[in-house]
Amino acid sequence: MQYSHEDMAVNRDLEMARYIWSILKTQLTIIMPWGIDLDSIKVVDLGIQFHVQGFKHTGYVKVALNEGKDLFEISLLSDDGECVKFLDEVYLDMLVDTIDQAVEKTEDYEERLAEYCKGGVIV
């Protein structure tokens, strides 16, 4: 059975999305507060995209492999799909922390989290 170039590209993208998701899942206690909408997860060119509701960013996160550099690129997208922040040259071992800093972590993170857990209003 021969596969077309398109079939191979789709398979490559799917495998990369699974690989990135497996990396993210290794640190569930970090990614859970991002508020990932599991229904929004989709395969993109050499990566994955999903919707988050973090303290710093609400919108989409797109993670893709830059094959030439063998490093990851992270795009933070608005709900309308507009790129609001682009982070490149992200190493595998820094992927979760880099996304966390862009999506969730604030200088007063512990205070905001405590307030959120008490059911208070966060401004």
PDB file of N, CA and C in Angstrom:
ATOM      1  N   MET A   1       0.841  -1.181   0.000  1.00  0.00           N
ATOM      2  CA  MET A   1       0.000   0.000   0.000  1.00  0.00           C
ATOM      3  C   MET A   1       0.884   1.241   0.000  1.00  0.00           C
ATOM      4  N   GLN A   2       0.613   2.142  -0.917  1.00  0.00           N
ATOM      5  CA  GLN A   2       1.385   3.373  -1.000  1.00  0.00           C
ATOM      6  C   GLN A   2       0.567   4.517  -0.417  1.00  0.00           C
ATOM      7  N   TYR A   3       1.280   5.380   0.268  1.00  0.00           N
ATOM      8  CA  TYR A   3       0.642   6.552   0.854  1.00  0.00           C
ATOM      9  C   TYR A   3       1.021   7.789   0.054  1.00  0.00           C
ATOM     10  N   SER A   4       0.077   8.694  -0.078  1.00  0.00           N
ATOM     11  CA  SER A   4       0.359   9.946  -0.766  1.00  0.00           C
ATOM     12  C   SER A   4       1.155  10.856   0.162  1.00  0.00           C
ATOM     13  N   HIS A   5       1.744  11.882  -0.401  1.00  0.00           N
ATOM     14  CA  HIS A   5       2.483  12.857   0.404  1.00  0.00           C
ATOM     15  C   HIS A   5       1.555  13.528   1.418  1.00  0.00           C
ATOM     16  N   GLU A   6       0.316  13.743   0.995  1.00  0.00           N
ATOM     17  CA  GLU A   6      -0.671  14.360   1.893  1.00  0.00           C
ATOM     18  C   GLU A   6      -0.966  13.452   3.083  1.00  0.00           C
ATOM     19  N   ASP A   7      -1.131  12.148   2.823  1.00  0.00           N
ATOM     20  CA  ASP A   7      -1.381  11.194   3.908  1.00  0.00           C
ATOM     21  C   ASP A   7      -0.202  11.153   4.874  1.00  0.00           C
ATOM     22  N   MET A   8       1.002  11.179   4.337  1.00  0.00           N
ATOM     23  CA  MET A   8       2.189  11.145   5.192  1.00  0.00           C
ATOM     24  C   MET A   8       2.303  12.416   6.021  1.00  0.00           C
ATOM     25  N   ALA A   9       1.941  13.560   5.451  1.00  0.00           N
ATOM     26  CA  ALA A   9       1.993  14.824   6.188  1.00  0.00           C
ATOM     27  C   ALA A   9       0.975  14.830   7.314  1.00  0.00           C
ATOM     28  N   VAL A  10      -0.228  14.326   7.039  1.00  0.00           N
ATOM     29  CA  VAL A  10      -1.267  14.256   8.068  1.00  0.00           C
ATOM     30  C   VAL A  10      -0.811  13.342   9.199  1.00  0.00           C
ATOM     31  N   ASN A  11      -0.247  12.208   8.850  1.00  0.00           N
ATOM     32  CA  ASN A  11       0.242  11.261   9.858  1.00  0.00           C
ATOM     33  C   ASN A  11       1.375  11.886  10.676  1.00  0.00           C
ATOM     34  N   ARG A  12       2.279  12.593  10.013  1.00  0.00           N
ATOM     35  CA  ARG A  12       3.395  13.267  10.691  1.00  0.00           C
ATOM     36  C   ARG A  12       2.864  14.317  11.657  1.00  0.00           C
ATOM     37  N   ASP A  13       1.883  15.091  11.233  1.00  0.00           N
ATOM     38  CA  ASP A  13       1.288  16.106  12.093  1.00  0.00           C
ATOM     39  C   ASP A  13       0.605  15.474  13.305  1.00  0.00           C
ATOM     40  N   LEU A  14      -0.128  14.397  13.070  1.00  0.00           N
ATOM     41  CA  LEU A  14      -0.812  13.699  14.151  1.00  0.00           C
ATOM     42  C   LEU A  14       0.190  13.140  15.161  1.00  0.00           C
ATOM     43  N   GLU A  15       1.241  12.547  14.672  1.00  0.00           N
ATOM     44  CA  GLU A  15       2.271  12.003  15.563  1.00  0.00           C
ATOM     45  C   GLU A  15       2.935  13.105  16.380  1.00  0.00           C
ATOM     46  N   MET A  16       3.187  14.246  15.751  1.00  0.00           N
ATOM     47  CA  MET A  16       3.806  15.359  16.479  1.00  0.00           C
ATOM     48  C   MET A  16       2.836  15.911  17.525  1.00  0.00           C
ATOM     49  N   ALA A  17       1.564  16.021  17.185  1.00  0.00           N
ATOM     50  CA  ALA A  17       0.565  16.495  18.148  1.00  0.00           C
ATOM     51  C   ALA A  17       0.505  15.558  19.350  1.00  0.00           C
ATOM     52  N   ARG A  18       0.506  14.268  19.091  1.00  0.00           N
ATOM     53  CA  ARG A  18       0.503  13.287  20.186  1.00  0.00           C
ATOM     54  C   ARG A  18       1.759  13.421  21.041  1.00  0.00           C
ATOM     55  N   TYR A  19       2.891  13.616  20.398  1.00  0.00           N
ATOM     56  CA  TYR A  19       4.154  13.757  21.118  1.00  0.00           C
ATOM     57  C   TYR A  19       4.125  14.994  22.017  1.00  0.00           C
ATOM     58  N   ILE A  20       3.684  16.122  21.485  1.00  0.00           N
ATOM     59  CA  ILE A  20       3.613  17.362  22.274  1.00  0.00           C
ATOM     60  C   ILE A  20       2.639  17.181  23.432  1.00  0.00           C
ATOM     61  N   TRP A  21       1.482  16.585  23.171  1.00  0.00           N
ATOM     62  CA  TRP A  21       0.493  16.362  24.227  1.00  0.00           C
ATOM     63  C   TRP A  21       1.078  15.462  25.316  1.00  0.00           C
ATOM     64  N   SER A  22       1.852  14.459  24.925  1.00  0.00           N
ATOM     65  CA  SER A  22       2.465  13.565  25.922  1.00  0.00           C
ATOM     66  C   SER A  22       3.462  14.324  26.795  1.00  0.00           C
ATOM     67  N   ILE A  23       4.143  15.295  26.221  1.00  0.00           N
ATOM     68  CA  ILE A  23       5.069  16.129  27.002  1.00  0.00           C
ATOM     69  C   ILE A  23       4.282  16.972  28.003  1.00  0.00           C
ATOM     70  N   LEU A  24       3.217  17.607  27.537  1.00  0.00           N
ATOM     71  CA  LEU A  24       2.406  18.451  28.411  1.00  0.00           C
ATOM     72  C   LEU A  24       1.808  17.634  29.557  1.00  0.00           C
ATOM     73  N   LYS A  25       1.340  16.424  29.272  1.00  0.00           N
ATOM     74  CA  LYS A  25       0.691  15.593  30.290  1.00  0.00           C
ATOM     75  C   LYS A  25       1.654  15.117  31.376  1.00  0.00           C
ATOM     76  N   THR A  26       2.946  15.215  31.146  1.00  0.00           N
ATOM     77  CA  THR A  26       3.891  14.785  32.183  1.00  0.00           C
ATOM     78  C   THR A  26       3.862  15.724  33.383  1.00  0.00           C
ATOM     79  N   GLN A  27       3.273  16.908  33.207  1.00  0.00           N
ATOM     80  CA  GLN A  27       3.220  17.885  34.290  1.00  0.00           C
ATOM     81  C   GLN A  27       1.780  18.381  34.466  1.00  0.00           C
ATOM     82  N   LEU A  28       0.899  17.450  34.770  1.00  0.00           N
ATOM     83  CA  LEU A  28      -0.528  17.759  34.885  1.00  0.00           C
ATOM     84  C   LEU A  28      -0.822  18.840  35.919  1.00  0.00           C
ATOM     85  N   THR A  29      -0.090  18.856  37.028  1.00  0.00           N
ATOM     86  CA  THR A  29      -0.366  19.867  38.055  1.00  0.00           C
ATOM     87  C   THR A  29      -0.063  21.272  37.554  1.00  0.00           C
ATOM     88  N   ILE A  30       0.760  21.384  36.549  1.00  0.00           N
ATOM     89  CA  ILE A  30       1.045  22.698  35.959  1.00  0.00           C
ATOM     90  C   ILE A  30       0.022  23.040  34.885  1.00  0.00           C
ATOM     91  N   ILE A  31      -0.338  22.086  34.032  1.00  0.00           N
ATOM     92  CA  ILE A  31      -1.217  22.418  32.906  1.00  0.00           C
ATOM     93  C   ILE A  31      -2.694  22.475  33.276  1.00  0.00           C
ATOM     94  N   MET A  32      -3.107  21.807  34.348  1.00  0.00           N
ATOM     95  CA  MET A  32      -4.528  21.825  34.722  1.00  0.00           C
ATOM     96  C   MET A  32      -5.052  23.238  34.976  1.00  0.00           C
ATOM     97  N   PRO A  33      -4.320  24.109  35.674  1.00  0.00           N
ATOM     98  CA  PRO A  33      -4.831  25.466  35.902  1.00  0.00           C
ATOM     99  C   PRO A  33      -4.969  26.320  34.630  1.00  0.00           C
ATOM    100  N   TRP A  34      -4.420  25.879  33.521  1.00  0.00           N
ATOM    101  CA  TRP A  34      -4.564  26.637  32.285  1.00  0.00           C
ATOM    102  C   TRP A  34      -6.004  26.633  31.793  1.00  0.00           C
ATOM    103  N   GLY A  35      -6.812  25.704  32.282  1.00  0.00           N
ATOM    104  CA  GLY A  35      -8.201  25.622  31.837  1.00  0.00           C
ATOM    105  C   GLY A  35      -8.320  25.173  30.393  1.00  0.00           C
ATOM    106  N   ILE A  36      -7.580  24.150  30.036  1.00  0.00           N
ATOM    107  CA  ILE A  36      -7.621  23.652  28.657  1.00  0.00           C
ATOM    108  C   ILE A  36      -8.998  23.082  28.347  1.00  0.00           C
ATOM    109  N   ASP A  37      -9.568  23.548  27.255  1.00  0.00           N
ATOM    110  CA  ASP A  37     -10.830  23.006  26.754  1.00  0.00           C
ATOM    111  C   ASP A  37     -10.484  21.787  25.901  1.00  0.00           C
ATOM    112  N   LEU A  38     -10.725  20.606  26.435  1.00  0.00           N
ATOM    113  CA  LEU A  38     -10.328  19.381  25.744  1.00  0.00           C
ATOM    114  C   LEU A  38     -11.008  19.230  24.385  1.00  0.00           C
ATOM    115  N   ASP A  39     -12.195  19.801  24.241  1.00  0.00           N
ATOM    116  CA  ASP A  39     -12.894  19.734  22.960  1.00  0.00           C
ATOM    117  C   ASP A  39     -12.246  20.619  21.890  1.00  0.00           C
ATOM    118  N   SER A  40     -11.381  21.537  22.316  1.00  0.00           N
ATOM    119  CA  SER A  40     -10.761  22.459  21.363  1.00  0.00           C
ATOM    120  C   SER A  40      -9.442  21.937  20.797  1.00  0.00           C
ATOM    121  N   ILE A  41      -8.945  20.836  21.327  1.00  0.00           N
ATOM    122  CA  ILE A  41      -7.648  20.322  20.888  1.00  0.00           C
ATOM    123  C   ILE A  41      -7.731  19.896  19.433  1.00  0.00           C
ATOM    124  N   LYS A  42      -6.770  20.407  18.643  1.00  0.00           N
ATOM    125  CA  LYS A  42      -6.745  19.998  17.239  1.00  0.00           C
ATOM    126  C   LYS A  42      -5.308  19.895  16.749  1.00  0.00           C
ATOM    127  N   VAL A  43      -5.134  19.069  15.762  1.00  0.00           N
ATOM    128  CA  VAL A  43      -3.837  18.869  15.131  1.00  0.00           C
ATOM    129  C   VAL A  43      -3.604  20.001  14.145  1.00  0.00           C
ATOM    130  N   VAL A  44      -2.406  20.577  14.187  1.00  0.00           N
ATOM    131  CA  VAL A  44      -2.003  21.605  13.232  1.00  0.00           C
ATOM    132  C   VAL A  44      -0.699  21.157  12.584  1.00  0.00           C
ATOM    133  N   ASP A  45      -0.220  21.923  11.647  1.00  0.00           N
ATOM    134  CA  ASP A  45       1.011  21.581  10.942  1.00  0.00           C
ATOM    135  C   ASP A  45       2.148  21.393  11.943  1.00  0.00           C
ATOM    136  N   LEU A  46       2.622  20.168  12.070  1.00  0.00           N
ATOM    137  CA  LEU A  46       3.704  19.786  12.980  1.00  0.00           C
ATOM    138  C   LEU A  46       3.444  20.181  14.433  1.00  0.00           C
ATOM    139  N   GLY A  47       2.168  20.112  14.851  1.00  0.00           N
ATOM    140  CA  GLY A  47       1.904  20.479  16.226  1.00  0.00           C
ATOM    141  C   GLY A  47       0.476  20.291  16.671  1.00  0.00           C
ATOM    142  N   ILE A  48       0.136  21.085  17.686  1.00  0.00           N
ATOM    143  CA  ILE A  48      -1.152  20.977  18.352  1.00  0.00           C
ATOM    144  C   ILE A  48      -1.633  22.376  18.729  1.00  0.00           C
ATOM    145  N   GLN A  49      -2.930  22.536  18.798  1.00  0.00           N
ATOM    146  CA  GLN A  49      -3.525  23.806  19.214  1.00  0.00           C
ATOM    147  C   GLN A  49      -4.675  23.504  20.165  1.00  0.00           C
ATOM    148  N   PHE A  50      -4.830  24.343  21.199  1.00  0.00           N
ATOM    149  CA  PHE A  50      -5.907  24.154  22.163  1.00  0.00           C
ATOM    150  C   PHE A  50      -6.261  25.493  22.799  1.00  0.00           C
ATOM    151  N   HIS A  51      -7.480  25.564  23.341  1.00  0.00           N
ATOM    152  CA  HIS A  51      -7.968  26.789  23.983  1.00  0.00           C
ATOM    153  C   HIS A  51      -7.691  26.717  25.476  1.00  0.00           C
ATOM    154  N   VAL A  52      -7.257  27.857  26.042  1.00  0.00           N
ATOM    155  CA  VAL A  52      -6.971  27.951  27.472  1.00  0.00           C
ATOM    156  C   VAL A  52      -7.717  29.137  28.078  1.00  0.00           C
ATOM    157  N   GLN A  53      -7.842  29.105  29.402  1.00  0.00           N
ATOM    158  CA  GLN A  53      -8.405  30.222  30.150  1.00  0.00           C
ATOM    159  C   GLN A  53      -7.504  30.456  31.352  1.00  0.00           C
ATOM    160  N   GLY A  54      -6.332  31.008  31.090  1.00  0.00           N
ATOM    161  CA  GLY A  54      -5.365  31.261  32.147  1.00  0.00           C
ATOM    162  C   GLY A  54      -5.523  32.642  32.747  1.00  0.00           C
ATOM    163  N   PHE A  55      -4.766  32.911  33.818  1.00  0.00           N
ATOM    164  CA  PHE A  55      -4.784  34.237  34.439  1.00  0.00           C
ATOM    165  C   PHE A  55      -4.257  35.296  33.472  1.00  0.00           C
ATOM    166  N   LYS A  56      -3.248  34.943  32.656  1.00  0.00           N
ATOM    167  CA  LYS A  56      -2.618  35.922  31.765  1.00  0.00           C
ATOM    168  C   LYS A  56      -3.134  35.862  30.330  1.00  0.00           C
ATOM    169  N   HIS A  57      -3.552  34.695  29.888  1.00  0.00           N
ATOM    170  CA  HIS A  57      -3.979  34.556  28.493  1.00  0.00           C
ATOM    171  C   HIS A  57      -5.218  33.679  28.410  1.00  0.00           C
ATOM    172  N   THR A  58      -6.227  34.213  27.754  1.00  0.00           N
ATOM    173  CA  THR A  58      -7.402  33.428  27.387  1.00  0.00           C
ATOM    174  C   THR A  58      -7.470  33.475  25.874  1.00  0.00           C
ATOM    175  N   GLY A  59      -7.464  32.298  25.301  1.00  0.00           N
ATOM    176  CA  GLY A  59      -7.444  32.175  23.849  1.00  0.00           C
ATOM    177  C   GLY A  59      -6.810  30.849  23.495  1.00  0.00           C
ATOM    178  N   TYR A  60      -6.191  30.826  22.349  1.00  0.00           N
ATOM    179  CA  TYR A  60      -5.593  29.588  21.873  1.00  0.00           C
ATOM    180  C   TYR A  60      -4.084  29.582  22.084  1.00  0.00           C
ATOM    181  N   VAL A  61      -3.562  28.378  22.310  1.00  0.00           N
ATOM    182  CA  VAL A  61      -2.126  28.144  22.357  1.00  0.00           C
ATOM    183  C   VAL A  61      -1.819  27.168  21.229  1.00  0.00           C
ATOM    184  N   LYS A  62      -0.880  27.548  20.397  1.00  0.00           N
ATOM    185  CA  LYS A  62      -0.446  26.678  19.301  1.00  0.00           C
ATOM    186  C   LYS A  62       1.014  26.337  19.543  1.00  0.00           C
ATOM    187  N   VAL A  63       1.316  25.053  19.563  1.00  0.00           N
ATOM    188  CA  VAL A  63       2.684  24.584  19.760  1.00  0.00           C
ATOM    189  C   VAL A  63       3.073  23.778  18.537  1.00  0.00           C
ATOM    190  N   ALA A  64       4.178  24.161  17.909  1.00  0.00           N
ATOM    191  CA  ALA A  64       4.606  23.468  16.694  1.00  0.00           C
ATOM    192  C   ALA A  64       6.114  23.290  16.703  1.00  0.00           C
ATOM    193  N   LEU A  65       6.564  22.251  16.062  1.00  0.00           N
ATOM    194  CA  LEU A  65       7.989  21.984  15.931  1.00  0.00           C
ATOM    195  C   LEU A  65       8.548  22.758  14.748  1.00  0.00           C
ATOM    196  N   ASN A  66       9.643  23.456  14.971  1.00  0.00           N
ATOM    197  CA  ASN A  66      10.407  24.058  13.883  1.00  0.00           C
ATOM    198  C   ASN A  66      11.439  23.008  13.500  1.00  0.00           C
ATOM    199  N   GLU A  67      11.187  22.305  12.420  1.00  0.00           N
ATOM    200  CA  GLU A  67      12.057  21.186  12.034  1.00  0.00           C
ATOM    201  C   GLU A  67      13.495  21.606  11.773  1.00  0.00           C
ATOM    202  N   GLY A  68      13.679  22.777  11.199  1.00  0.00           N
ATOM    203  CA  GLY A  68      15.030  23.236  10.879  1.00  0.00           C
ATOM    204  C   GLY A  68      15.893  23.442  12.112  1.00  0.00           C
ATOM    205  N   LYS A  69      15.278  23.923  13.187  1.00  0.00           N
ATOM    206  CA  LYS A  69      16.006  24.177  14.432  1.00  0.00           C
ATOM    207  C   LYS A  69      15.850  23.048  15.440  1.00  0.00           C
ATOM    208  N   ASP A  70      14.901  22.137  15.190  1.00  0.00           N
ATOM    209  CA  ASP A  70      14.568  21.070  16.125  1.00  0.00           C
ATOM    210  C   ASP A  70      14.198  21.634  17.496  1.00  0.00           C
ATOM    211  N   LEU A  71      13.474  22.754  17.454  1.00  0.00           N
ATOM    212  CA  LEU A  71      12.986  23.437  18.654  1.00  0.00           C
ATOM    213  C   LEU A  71      11.513  23.756  18.442  1.00  0.00           C
ATOM    214  N   PHE A  72      10.820  24.093  19.518  1.00  0.00           N
ATOM    215  CA  PHE A  72       9.400  24.385  19.432  1.00  0.00           C
ATOM    216  C   PHE A  72       9.134  25.875  19.312  1.00  0.00           C
ATOM    217  N   GLU A  73       8.007  26.192  18.693  1.00  0.00           N
ATOM    218  CA  GLU A  73       7.500  27.558  18.600  1.00  0.00           C
ATOM    219  C   GLU A  73       6.120  27.569  19.245  1.00  0.00           C
ATOM    220  N   ILE A  74       5.871  28.593  20.025  1.00  0.00           N
ATOM    221  CA  ILE A  74       4.588  28.733  20.714  1.00  0.00           C
ATOM    222  C   ILE A  74       3.940  30.026  20.258  1.00  0.00           C
ATOM    223  N   SER A  75       2.706  29.930  19.807  1.00  0.00           N
ATOM    224  CA  SER A  75       1.932  31.113  19.432  1.00  0.00           C
ATOM    225  C   SER A  75       0.742  31.214  20.367  1.00  0.00           C
ATOM    226  N   LEU A  76       0.575  32.382  20.971  1.00  0.00           N
ATOM    227  CA  LEU A  76      -0.625  32.671  21.750  1.00  0.00           C
ATOM    228  C   LEU A  76      -1.556  33.436  20.831  1.00  0.00           C
ATOM    229  N   LEU A  77      -2.741  32.902  20.634  1.00  0.00           N
ATOM    230  CA  LEU A  77      -3.698  33.474  19.698  1.00  0.00           C
ATOM    231  C   LEU A  77      -4.940  33.947  20.450  1.00  0.00           C
ATOM    232  N   SER A  78      -5.501  35.044  19.989  1.00  0.00           N
ATOM    233  CA  SER A  78      -6.767  35.517  20.562  1.00  0.00           C
ATOM    234  C   SER A  78      -7.866  34.542  20.160  1.00  0.00           C
ATOM    235  N   ASP A  79      -9.045  34.727  20.733  1.00  0.00           N
ATOM    236  CA  ASP A  79     -10.176  33.887  20.340  1.00  0.00           C
ATOM    237  C   ASP A  79     -10.521  34.052  18.869  1.00  0.00           C
ATOM    238  N   ASP A  80     -10.127  35.187  18.281  1.00  0.00           N
ATOM    239  CA  ASP A  80     -10.349  35.438  16.855  1.00  0.00           C
ATOM    240  C   ASP A  80      -9.237  34.873  15.979  1.00  0.00           C
ATOM    241  N   GLY A  81      -8.203  34.289  16.598  1.00  0.00           N
ATOM    242  CA  GLY A  81      -7.107  33.693  15.847  1.00  0.00           C
ATOM    243  C   GLY A  81      -5.948  34.623  15.578  1.00  0.00           C
ATOM    244  N   GLU A  82      -5.991  35.852  16.112  1.00  0.00           N
ATOM    245  CA  GLU A  82      -4.905  36.811  15.917  1.00  0.00           C
ATOM    246  C   GLU A  82      -3.742  36.469  16.854  1.00  0.00           C
ATOM    247  N   CYS A  83      -2.530  36.456  16.322  1.00  0.00           N
ATOM    248  CA  CYS A  83      -1.357  36.155  17.134  1.00  0.00           C
ATOM    249  C   CYS A  83      -1.058  37.340  18.051  1.00  0.00           C
ATOM    250  N   VAL A  84      -1.102  37.105  19.362  1.00  0.00           N
ATOM    251  CA  VAL A  84      -0.829  38.168  20.330  1.00  0.00           C
ATOM    252  C   VAL A  84       0.562  38.042  20.934  1.00  0.00           C
ATOM    253  N   LYS A  85       1.158  36.840  20.834  1.00  0.00           N
ATOM    254  CA  LYS A  85       2.523  36.646  21.331  1.00  0.00           C
ATOM    255  C   LYS A  85       3.119  35.432  20.632  1.00  0.00           C
ATOM    256  N   PHE A  86       4.399  35.551  20.275  1.00  0.00           N
ATOM    257  CA  PHE A  86       5.093  34.458  19.604  1.00  0.00           C
ATOM    258  C   PHE A  86       6.397  34.185  20.345  1.00  0.00           C
ATOM    259  N   LEU A  87       6.591  32.937  20.707  1.00  0.00           N
ATOM    260  CA  LEU A  87       7.808  32.522  21.414  1.00  0.00           C
ATOM    261  C   LEU A  87       8.479  31.446  20.578  1.00  0.00           C
ATOM    262  N   ASP A  88       9.735  31.678  20.243  1.00  0.00           N
ATOM    263  CA  ASP A  88      10.418  30.670  19.438  1.00  0.00           C
ATOM    264  C   ASP A  88      11.653  30.155  20.167  1.00  0.00           C
ATOM    265  N   GLU A  89      12.250  29.151  19.566  1.00  0.00           N
ATOM    266  CA  GLU A  89      13.451  28.512  20.099  1.00  0.00           C
ATOM    267  C   GLU A  89      13.237  28.002  21.528  1.00  0.00           C
ATOM    268  N   VAL A  90      12.133  27.289  21.706  1.00  0.00           N
ATOM    269  CA  VAL A  90      11.809  26.704  23.005  1.00  0.00           C
ATOM    270  C   VAL A  90      12.284  25.249  23.006  1.00  0.00           C
ATOM    271  N   TYR A  91      13.146  24.937  23.953  1.00  0.00           N
ATOM    272  CA  TYR A  91      13.656  23.577  24.083  1.00  0.00           C
ATOM    273  C   TYR A  91      12.608  22.670  24.719  1.00  0.00           C
ATOM    274  N   LEU A  92      12.693  21.399  24.402  1.00  0.00           N
ATOM    275  CA  LEU A  92      11.760  20.396  24.894  1.00  0.00           C
ATOM    276  C   LEU A  92      11.589  20.471  26.412  1.00  0.00           C
ATOM    277  N   ASP A  93      12.681  20.561  27.140  1.00  0.00           N
ATOM    278  CA  ASP A  93      12.597  20.546  28.599  1.00  0.00           C
ATOM    279  C   ASP A  93      12.055  21.845  29.190  1.00  0.00           C
ATOM    280  N   MET A  94      11.860  22.858  28.362  1.00  0.00           N
ATOM    281  CA  MET A  94      11.306  24.133  28.824  1.00  0.00           C
ATOM    282  C   MET A  94       9.897  24.396  28.283  1.00  0.00           C
ATOM    283  N   LEU A  95       9.346  23.440  27.559  1.00  0.00           N
ATOM    284  CA  LEU A  95       8.070  23.653  26.879  1.00  0.00           C
ATOM    285  C   LEU A  95       6.939  23.979  27.856  1.00  0.00           C
ATOM    286  N   VAL A  96       6.740  23.142  28.868  1.00  0.00           N
ATOM    287  CA  VAL A  96       5.641  23.362  29.809  1.00  0.00           C
ATOM    288  C   VAL A  96       5.846  24.661  30.586  1.00  0.00           C
ATOM    289  N   ASP A  97       7.053  24.891  31.082  1.00  0.00           N
ATOM    290  CA  ASP A  97       7.319  26.108  31.859  1.00  0.00           C
ATOM    291  C   ASP A  97       7.137  27.370  31.024  1.00  0.00           C
ATOM    292  N   THR A  98       7.550  27.323  29.768  1.00  0.00           N
ATOM    293  CA  THR A  98       7.410  28.485  28.892  1.00  0.00           C
ATOM    294  C   THR A  98       5.934  28.809  28.646  1.00  0.00           C
ATOM    295  N   ILE A  99       5.140  27.784  28.380  1.00  0.00           N
ATOM    296  CA  ILE A  99       3.708  28.013  28.191  1.00  0.00           C
ATOM    297  C   ILE A  99       3.086  28.511  29.489  1.00  0.00           C
ATOM    298  N   ASP A 100       3.466  27.918  30.604  1.00  0.00           N
ATOM    299  CA  ASP A 100       2.922  28.314  31.899  1.00  0.00           C
ATOM    300  C   ASP A 100       3.208  29.783  32.195  1.00  0.00           C
ATOM    301  N   GLN A 101       4.412  30.232  31.907  1.00  0.00           N
ATOM    302  CA  GLN A 101       4.760  31.638  32.130  1.00  0.00           C
ATOM    303  C   GLN A 101       3.939  32.558  31.236  1.00  0.00           C
ATOM    304  N   ALA A 102       3.613  32.105  30.036  1.00  0.00           N
ATOM    305  CA  ALA A 102       2.862  32.936  29.097  1.00  0.00           C
ATOM    306  C   ALA A 102       1.356  32.916  29.351  1.00  0.00           C
ATOM    307  N   VAL A 103       0.841  31.814  29.892  1.00  0.00           N
ATOM    308  CA  VAL A 103      -0.596  31.634  30.031  1.00  0.00           C
ATOM    309  C   VAL A 103      -1.095  31.885  31.450  1.00  0.00           C
ATOM    310  N   GLU A 104      -0.356  31.432  32.435  1.00  0.00           N
ATOM    311  CA  GLU A 104      -0.911  31.355  33.785  1.00  0.00           C
ATOM    312  C   GLU A 104      -0.180  32.189  34.836  1.00  0.00           C
ATOM    313  N   LYS A 105       1.126  32.136  34.861  1.00  0.00           N
ATOM    314  CA  LYS A 105       1.884  32.721  35.975  1.00  0.00           C
ATOM    315  C   LYS A 105       1.898  34.241  35.923  1.00  0.00           C
ATOM    316  N   THR A 106       1.565  34.836  37.059  1.00  0.00           N
ATOM    317  CA  THR A 106       1.656  36.281  37.244  1.00  0.00           C
ATOM    318  C   THR A 106       2.560  36.531  38.437  1.00  0.00           C
ATOM    319  N   GLU A 107       2.976  37.768  38.619  1.00  0.00           N
ATOM    320  CA  GLU A 107       3.843  38.079  39.750  1.00  0.00           C
ATOM    321  C   GLU A 107       3.150  37.790  41.081  1.00  0.00           C
ATOM    322  N   ASP A 108       1.837  37.992  41.124  1.00  0.00           N
ATOM    323  CA  ASP A 108       1.077  37.739  42.351  1.00  0.00           C
ATOM    324  C   ASP A 108       0.257  36.446  42.226  1.00  0.00           C
ATOM    325  N   TYR A 109       0.823  35.452  41.573  1.00  0.00           N
ATOM    326  CA  TYR A 109       0.109  34.220  41.259  1.00  0.00           C
ATOM    327  C   TYR A 109      -0.462  33.534  42.495  1.00  0.00           C
ATOM    328  N   GLU A 110       0.345  33.375  43.542  1.00  0.00           N
ATOM    329  CA  GLU A 110      -0.114  32.679  44.742  1.00  0.00           C
ATOM    330  C   GLU A 110      -1.302  33.398  45.376  1.00  0.00           C
ATOM    331  N   GLU A 111      -1.245  34.732  45.423  1.00  0.00           N
ATOM    332  CA  GLU A 111      -2.360  35.507  45.981  1.00  0.00           C
ATOM    333  C   GLU A 111      -3.612  35.358  45.126  1.00  0.00           C
ATOM    334  N   ARG A 112      -3.447  35.445  43.828  1.00  0.00           N
ATOM    335  CA  ARG A 112      -4.592  35.325  42.917  1.00  0.00           C
ATOM    336  C   ARG A 112      -5.208  33.937  42.993  1.00  0.00           C
ATOM    337  N   LEU A 113      -4.353  32.931  43.107  1.00  0.00           N
ATOM    338  CA  LEU A 113      -4.843  31.565  43.196  1.00  0.00           C
ATOM    339  C   LEU A 113      -5.619  31.361  44.499  1.00  0.00           C
ATOM    340  N   ALA A 114      -5.091  31.878  45.598  1.00  0.00           N
ATOM    341  CA  ALA A 114      -5.790  31.765  46.882  1.00  0.00           C
ATOM    342  C   ALA A 114      -7.145  32.460  46.814  1.00  0.00           C
ATOM    343  N   GLU A 115      -7.183  33.639  46.211  1.00  0.00           N
ATOM    344  CA  GLU A 115      -8.435  34.385  46.072  1.00  0.00           C
ATOM    345  C   GLU A 115      -9.425  33.612  45.189  1.00  0.00           C
ATOM    346  N   TYR A 116      -8.920  33.043  44.111  1.00  0.00           N
ATOM    347  CA  TYR A 116      -9.763  32.260  43.211  1.00  0.00           C
ATOM    348  C   TYR A 116     -10.347  31.046  43.942  1.00  0.00           C
ATOM    349  N   CYS A 117      -9.499  30.375  44.723  1.00  0.00           N
ATOM    350  CA  CYS A 117      -9.947  29.182  45.445  1.00  0.00           C
ATOM    351  C   CYS A 117     -10.987  29.519  46.516  1.00  0.00           C
ATOM    352  N   LYS A 118     -10.934  30.725  47.046  1.00  0.00           N
ATOM    353  CA  LYS A 118     -11.923  31.164  48.037  1.00  0.00           C
ATOM    354  C   LYS A 118     -13.225  31.606  47.368  1.00  0.00           C
ATOM    355  N   GLY A 119     -13.203  31.688  46.048  1.00  0.00           N
ATOM    356  CA  GLY A 119     -14.405  32.095  45.319  1.00  0.00           C
ATOM    357  C   GLY A 119     -14.539  33.596  45.181  1.00  0.00           C
ATOM    358  N   GLY A 120     -13.444  34.301  45.408  1.00  0.00           N
ATOM    359  CA  GLY A 120     -13.461  35.756  45.302  1.00  0.00           C
ATOM    360  C   GLY A 120     -13.318  36.242  43.869  1.00  0.00           C
ATOM    361  N   VAL A 121     -13.428  37.506  43.722  1.00  0.00           N
ATOM    362  CA  VAL A 121     -13.307  38.130  42.410  1.00  0.00           C
ATOM    363  C   VAL A 121     -11.853  38.511  42.204  1.00  0.00           C
ATOM    364  N   ILE A 122     -11.333  38.197  41.043  1.00  0.00           N
ATOM    365  CA  ILE A 122      -9.943  38.526  40.711  1.00  0.00           C
ATOM    366  C   ILE A 122      -9.950  39.651  39.702  1.00  0.00           C
ATOM    367  N   VAL A 123      -9.187  40.686  40.002  1.00  0.00           N
ATOM    368  CA  VAL A 123      -9.094  41.809  39.072  1.00  0.00           C
ATOM    369  C   VAL A 123      -7.678  41.976  38.601  1.00  0.00           C
TER     370      VAL A 123
END
